[in-house]
Amino acid sequence: MEKESNESVKLGRLAPTSDGLSDNKGTCKDFDTLLGIYNPYKYDIKNYKGYDITRFKKNIRFMEIIENRSGEGNEVCPLLFDGSVNFFEELPKPNDSELSVVMNKFNI
């Protein structure tokens, strides 16, 4: 909820972070890996990480490794999302020709 404050919106800092845990920040110390899932469409963002959010609408999410004790952090994985059947699939990079194939397959 901390990431949905007016200050975060003004500064464009809406993606999940361990700081966004607010009163529960201590919990993140108990995890080896902390993942966050971000929905830029919720905040009316037109383009995120090179993906046209206006085309994907509610069908895209970004999973980020927020904290990772055993390796790299801050890695982002774009996901095709269908909430009606709880389906996630990793998307190709935004400049990959395979992206249009996936979009056509799912009528996006």
N, C-alpha and C. Protein backbone atom coordinates (compact mmCIF):
# COMPACT_ATOMS: atom_id res chain seq x y z
N MET A 1 0.82 -1.20 0.00
CA MET A 1 0.00 0.00 0.00
C MET A 1 0.87 1.27 0.00
N GLU A 2 2.06 1.16 0.55
CA GLU A 2 2.95 2.31 0.58
C GLU A 2 3.23 2.84 -0.82
N LYS A 3 3.28 1.96 -1.81
CA LYS A 3 3.59 2.36 -3.18
C LYS A 3 2.42 3.05 -3.86
N GLU A 4 1.26 3.06 -3.25
CA GLU A 4 0.09 3.71 -3.84
C GLU A 4 -0.18 5.08 -3.24
N SER A 5 0.76 5.59 -2.46
CA SER A 5 0.60 6.91 -1.86
C SER A 5 0.69 7.99 -2.94
N ASN A 6 0.18 9.17 -2.64
CA ASN A 6 0.23 10.28 -3.59
C ASN A 6 1.68 10.64 -3.95
N GLU A 7 2.56 10.56 -2.98
CA GLU A 7 3.97 10.88 -3.21
C GLU A 7 4.60 9.91 -4.22
N SER A 8 4.30 8.63 -4.07
CA SER A 8 4.84 7.62 -5.00
C SER A 8 4.30 7.83 -6.41
N VAL A 9 3.03 8.18 -6.52
CA VAL A 9 2.42 8.43 -7.83
C VAL A 9 3.07 9.65 -8.47
N LYS A 10 3.25 10.72 -7.72
CA LYS A 10 3.87 11.94 -8.25
C LYS A 10 5.28 11.68 -8.76
N LEU A 11 6.03 10.85 -8.04
CA LEU A 11 7.42 10.57 -8.41
C LEU A 11 7.56 9.43 -9.41
N GLY A 12 6.44 8.77 -9.75
CA GLY A 12 6.48 7.66 -10.70
C GLY A 12 7.16 6.42 -10.14
N ARG A 13 7.12 6.25 -8.83
CA ARG A 13 7.74 5.10 -8.17
C ARG A 13 6.65 4.13 -7.73
N LEU A 14 6.10 3.42 -8.68
CA LEU A 14 4.95 2.56 -8.41
C LEU A 14 5.29 1.08 -8.41
N ALA A 15 6.41 0.70 -8.99
CA ALA A 15 6.79 -0.72 -9.02
C ALA A 15 7.12 -1.19 -7.61
N PRO A 16 6.88 -2.46 -7.32
CA PRO A 16 7.12 -2.96 -5.96
C PRO A 16 8.59 -2.93 -5.56
N THR A 17 8.82 -2.59 -4.29
CA THR A 17 10.16 -2.62 -3.69
C THR A 17 10.01 -3.09 -2.25
N SER A 18 11.11 -3.44 -1.62
CA SER A 18 11.03 -3.83 -0.21
C SER A 18 10.67 -2.63 0.65
N ASP A 19 10.99 -1.41 0.21
CA ASP A 19 10.58 -0.21 0.95
C ASP A 19 9.06 -0.09 0.97
N GLY A 20 8.41 -0.60 -0.06
CA GLY A 20 6.96 -0.51 -0.15
C GLY A 20 6.23 -1.40 0.84
N LEU A 21 6.96 -2.21 1.58
CA LEU A 21 6.32 -3.06 2.57
C LEU A 21 5.88 -2.28 3.80
N SER A 22 6.30 -1.02 3.88
CA SER A 22 5.88 -0.12 4.95
C SER A 22 6.15 -0.72 6.33
N ASP A 23 5.11 -0.96 7.12
CA ASP A 23 5.27 -1.47 8.49
C ASP A 23 5.78 -2.90 8.52
N ASN A 24 5.78 -3.58 7.39
CA ASN A 24 6.18 -4.99 7.34
C ASN A 24 7.57 -5.19 6.74
N LYS A 25 8.39 -4.16 6.71
CA LYS A 25 9.72 -4.25 6.10
C LYS A 25 10.57 -5.35 6.72
N GLY A 26 10.40 -5.58 8.00
CA GLY A 26 11.19 -6.61 8.69
C GLY A 26 10.94 -8.00 8.13
N THR A 27 9.77 -8.21 7.57
CA THR A 27 9.45 -9.52 7.01
C THR A 27 10.38 -9.87 5.87
N CYS A 28 10.79 -8.91 5.11
CA CYS A 28 11.63 -9.19 3.94
C CYS A 28 12.99 -9.75 4.36
N LYS A 29 13.39 -9.53 5.61
CA LYS A 29 14.66 -10.08 6.10
C LYS A 29 14.58 -11.59 6.30
N ASP A 30 13.37 -12.13 6.38
CA ASP A 30 13.18 -13.56 6.59
C ASP A 30 13.22 -14.37 5.30
N PHE A 31 13.19 -13.72 4.17
CA PHE A 31 13.09 -14.42 2.89
C PHE A 31 14.45 -14.48 2.20
N ASP A 32 14.69 -15.61 1.54
CA ASP A 32 15.87 -15.70 0.69
C ASP A 32 15.61 -14.98 -0.63
N THR A 33 14.38 -15.06 -1.11
CA THR A 33 14.00 -14.40 -2.36
C THR A 33 12.66 -13.71 -2.17
N LEU A 34 12.57 -12.47 -2.59
CA LEU A 34 11.33 -11.71 -2.51
C LEU A 34 10.95 -11.28 -3.92
N LEU A 35 9.76 -11.69 -4.36
CA LEU A 35 9.27 -11.35 -5.69
C LEU A 35 8.15 -10.33 -5.59
N GLY A 36 8.08 -9.46 -6.57
CA GLY A 36 6.99 -8.50 -6.67
C GLY A 36 6.35 -8.61 -8.04
N ILE A 37 5.04 -8.40 -8.09
CA ILE A 37 4.33 -8.41 -9.38
C ILE A 37 3.71 -7.04 -9.56
N TYR A 38 3.99 -6.44 -10.71
CA TYR A 38 3.57 -5.06 -10.99
C TYR A 38 2.65 -5.03 -12.19
N ASN A 39 1.58 -4.23 -12.07
CA ASN A 39 0.60 -4.05 -13.13
C ASN A 39 0.59 -2.58 -13.55
N PRO A 40 1.35 -2.19 -14.58
CA PRO A 40 1.40 -0.79 -14.98
C PRO A 40 0.08 -0.27 -15.53
N TYR A 41 -0.76 -1.15 -16.05
CA TYR A 41 -2.06 -0.73 -16.60
C TYR A 41 -2.93 -0.11 -15.50
N LYS A 42 -2.80 -0.60 -14.29
CA LYS A 42 -3.58 -0.09 -13.16
C LYS A 42 -3.33 1.40 -12.95
N TYR A 43 -2.14 1.87 -13.30
CA TYR A 43 -1.77 3.26 -13.09
C TYR A 43 -1.79 4.08 -14.39
N ASP A 44 -2.44 3.53 -15.41
CA ASP A 44 -2.60 4.22 -16.70
C ASP A 44 -1.25 4.58 -17.34
N ILE A 45 -0.29 3.69 -17.19
CA ILE A 45 1.03 3.87 -17.81
C ILE A 45 0.95 3.34 -19.24
N LYS A 46 1.39 4.12 -20.19
CA LYS A 46 1.25 3.77 -21.62
C LYS A 46 2.33 2.82 -22.11
N ASN A 47 3.55 2.97 -21.59
CA ASN A 47 4.67 2.16 -22.03
C ASN A 47 5.52 1.83 -20.82
N TYR A 48 5.90 0.56 -20.68
CA TYR A 48 6.72 0.15 -19.55
C TYR A 48 7.72 -0.89 -20.01
N LYS A 49 8.99 -0.64 -19.75
CA LYS A 49 10.09 -1.55 -20.12
C LYS A 49 10.05 -1.90 -21.61
N GLY A 50 9.55 -0.98 -22.45
CA GLY A 50 9.52 -1.20 -23.89
C GLY A 50 8.25 -1.86 -24.40
N TYR A 51 7.33 -2.23 -23.52
CA TYR A 51 6.08 -2.89 -23.92
C TYR A 51 4.96 -1.86 -24.00
N ASP A 52 4.15 -1.96 -25.05
CA ASP A 52 3.01 -1.07 -25.25
C ASP A 52 1.85 -1.54 -24.37
N ILE A 53 1.70 -0.92 -23.23
CA ILE A 53 0.69 -1.32 -22.26
C ILE A 53 -0.72 -1.05 -22.79
N THR A 54 -0.86 -0.07 -23.68
CA THR A 54 -2.18 0.23 -24.23
C THR A 54 -2.71 -0.92 -25.08
N ARG A 55 -1.83 -1.74 -25.64
CA ARG A 55 -2.27 -2.92 -26.40
C ARG A 55 -2.55 -4.11 -25.50
N PHE A 56 -1.71 -4.31 -24.51
CA PHE A 56 -1.88 -5.46 -23.60
C PHE A 56 -3.03 -5.24 -22.61
N LYS A 57 -3.24 -3.99 -22.23
CA LYS A 57 -4.23 -3.62 -21.21
C LYS A 57 -4.02 -4.43 -19.94
N LYS A 58 -5.02 -5.17 -19.51
CA LYS A 58 -4.94 -5.92 -18.24
C LYS A 58 -4.19 -7.24 -18.38
N ASN A 59 -3.68 -7.53 -19.56
CA ASN A 59 -3.06 -8.84 -19.82
C ASN A 59 -1.54 -8.84 -19.74
N ILE A 60 -0.98 -7.95 -18.96
CA ILE A 60 0.48 -7.96 -18.80
C ILE A 60 0.82 -7.66 -17.35
N ARG A 61 1.83 -8.36 -16.86
CA ARG A 61 2.36 -8.14 -15.52
C ARG A 61 3.88 -8.23 -15.62
N PHE A 62 4.55 -7.64 -14.66
CA PHE A 62 6.00 -7.70 -14.60
C PHE A 62 6.41 -8.25 -13.24
N MET A 63 7.07 -9.40 -13.26
CA MET A 63 7.56 -10.00 -12.03
C MET A 63 9.00 -9.56 -11.85
N GLU A 64 9.29 -9.06 -10.67
CA GLU A 64 10.63 -8.57 -10.40
C GLU A 64 11.20 -9.27 -9.17
N ILE A 65 12.48 -9.61 -9.25
CA ILE A 65 13.18 -10.13 -8.08
C ILE A 65 13.61 -8.91 -7.27
N ILE A 66 12.92 -8.69 -6.17
CA ILE A 66 13.18 -7.51 -5.36
C ILE A 66 14.39 -7.73 -4.46
N GLU A 67 14.43 -8.84 -3.77
CA GLU A 67 15.56 -9.19 -2.91
C GLU A 67 15.96 -10.63 -3.22
N ASN A 68 17.25 -10.89 -3.26
CA ASN A 68 17.72 -12.24 -3.54
C ASN A 68 19.06 -12.45 -2.84
N ARG A 69 19.06 -13.27 -1.82
CA ARG A 69 20.29 -13.53 -1.06
C ARG A 69 21.27 -14.40 -1.82
N SER A 70 20.77 -15.19 -2.78
CA SER A 70 21.65 -16.13 -3.46
C SER A 70 22.06 -15.71 -4.86
N GLY A 71 21.77 -14.51 -5.25
CA GLY A 71 22.13 -14.12 -6.61
C GLY A 71 21.70 -12.70 -6.92
N GLU A 72 21.51 -12.47 -8.19
CA GLU A 72 21.15 -11.14 -8.69
C GLU A 72 19.74 -10.73 -8.23
N GLY A 73 19.57 -9.45 -8.06
CA GLY A 73 18.27 -8.88 -7.76
C GLY A 73 17.90 -7.89 -8.84
N ASN A 74 16.74 -7.31 -8.74
CA ASN A 74 16.26 -6.29 -9.67
C ASN A 74 16.13 -6.78 -11.11
N GLU A 75 16.00 -8.09 -11.30
CA GLU A 75 15.73 -8.63 -12.63
C GLU A 75 14.23 -8.60 -12.86
N VAL A 76 13.81 -8.25 -14.07
CA VAL A 76 12.38 -8.14 -14.39
C VAL A 76 12.02 -9.16 -15.46
N CYS A 77 10.91 -9.85 -15.24
CA CYS A 77 10.41 -10.84 -16.19
C CYS A 77 9.00 -10.42 -16.64
N PRO A 78 8.83 -10.03 -17.91
CA PRO A 78 7.50 -9.66 -18.39
C PRO A 78 6.63 -10.90 -18.57
N LEU A 79 5.38 -10.81 -18.17
CA LEU A 79 4.48 -11.96 -18.23
C LEU A 79 3.18 -11.61 -18.92
N LEU A 80 2.74 -12.49 -19.81
CA LEU A 80 1.40 -12.42 -20.35
C LEU A 80 0.49 -12.97 -19.27
N PHE A 81 -0.64 -12.32 -19.01
CA PHE A 81 -1.49 -12.69 -17.88
C PHE A 81 -2.94 -12.77 -18.31
N ASP A 82 -3.60 -13.87 -17.95
CA ASP A 82 -5.04 -14.01 -18.14
C ASP A 82 -5.63 -14.35 -16.78
N GLY A 83 -6.21 -13.36 -16.13
CA GLY A 83 -6.73 -13.52 -14.79
C GLY A 83 -7.93 -14.44 -14.68
N SER A 84 -8.67 -14.61 -15.78
CA SER A 84 -9.86 -15.45 -15.72
C SER A 84 -9.52 -16.92 -15.48
N VAL A 85 -8.33 -17.33 -15.87
CA VAL A 85 -7.91 -18.73 -15.67
C VAL A 85 -6.57 -18.81 -14.91
N ASN A 86 -6.14 -17.67 -14.34
CA ASN A 86 -4.91 -17.60 -13.57
C ASN A 86 -3.72 -18.14 -14.38
N PHE A 87 -3.55 -17.62 -15.59
CA PHE A 87 -2.53 -18.07 -16.52
C PHE A 87 -1.44 -17.02 -16.65
N PHE A 88 -0.19 -17.44 -16.54
CA PHE A 88 0.97 -16.58 -16.77
C PHE A 88 1.88 -17.26 -17.78
N GLU A 89 2.46 -16.47 -18.69
CA GLU A 89 3.45 -16.99 -19.64
C GLU A 89 4.49 -15.90 -19.86
N GLU A 90 5.75 -16.29 -19.84
CA GLU A 90 6.81 -15.31 -20.05
C GLU A 90 6.73 -14.75 -21.46
N LEU A 91 6.86 -13.44 -21.57
CA LEU A 91 6.81 -12.78 -22.87
C LEU A 91 8.22 -12.63 -23.45
N PRO A 92 8.32 -12.65 -24.79
CA PRO A 92 9.60 -12.34 -25.43
C PRO A 92 9.96 -10.87 -25.19
N LYS A 93 11.18 -10.51 -25.47
CA LYS A 93 11.61 -9.11 -25.34
C LYS A 93 10.78 -8.23 -26.26
N PRO A 94 10.63 -6.95 -25.92
CA PRO A 94 9.74 -6.08 -26.69
C PRO A 94 10.12 -5.91 -28.15
N ASN A 95 11.39 -6.07 -28.49
CA ASN A 95 11.83 -5.90 -29.88
C ASN A 95 11.96 -7.24 -30.61
N ASP A 96 11.55 -8.33 -29.98
CA ASP A 96 11.62 -9.67 -30.57
C ASP A 96 10.41 -9.89 -31.47
N SER A 97 10.64 -10.44 -32.68
CA SER A 97 9.53 -10.69 -33.62
C SER A 97 8.55 -11.73 -33.07
N GLU A 98 8.99 -12.55 -32.14
CA GLU A 98 8.13 -13.57 -31.53
C GLU A 98 7.01 -12.94 -30.69
N LEU A 99 7.21 -11.69 -30.26
CA LEU A 99 6.19 -11.01 -29.45
C LEU A 99 4.89 -10.87 -30.22
N SER A 100 4.95 -10.52 -31.50
CA SER A 100 3.72 -10.37 -32.29
C SER A 100 3.01 -11.71 -32.47
N VAL A 101 3.76 -12.79 -32.52
CA VAL A 101 3.17 -14.15 -32.62
C VAL A 101 2.37 -14.44 -31.36
N VAL A 102 2.95 -14.15 -30.21
CA VAL A 102 2.26 -14.38 -28.93
C VAL A 102 1.03 -13.49 -28.83
N MET A 103 1.14 -12.26 -29.22
CA MET A 103 0.01 -11.31 -29.16
C MET A 103 -1.14 -11.78 -30.07
N ASN A 104 -0.81 -12.25 -31.26
CA ASN A 104 -1.84 -12.76 -32.17
C ASN A 104 -2.51 -14.02 -31.62
N LYS A 105 -1.71 -14.87 -31.02
CA LYS A 105 -2.21 -16.12 -30.43
C LYS A 105 -3.26 -15.84 -29.36
N PHE A 106 -3.08 -14.77 -28.61
CA PHE A 106 -3.99 -14.41 -27.53
C PHE A 106 -4.91 -13.25 -27.89
N ASN A 107 -4.98 -12.91 -29.17
CA ASN A 107 -5.86 -11.83 -29.65
C ASN A 107 -5.64 -10.51 -28.93
N ILE A 108 -4.38 -10.13 -28.84
CA ILE A 108 -4.05 -8.85 -28.19
C ILE A 108 -3.70 -7.85 -29.26
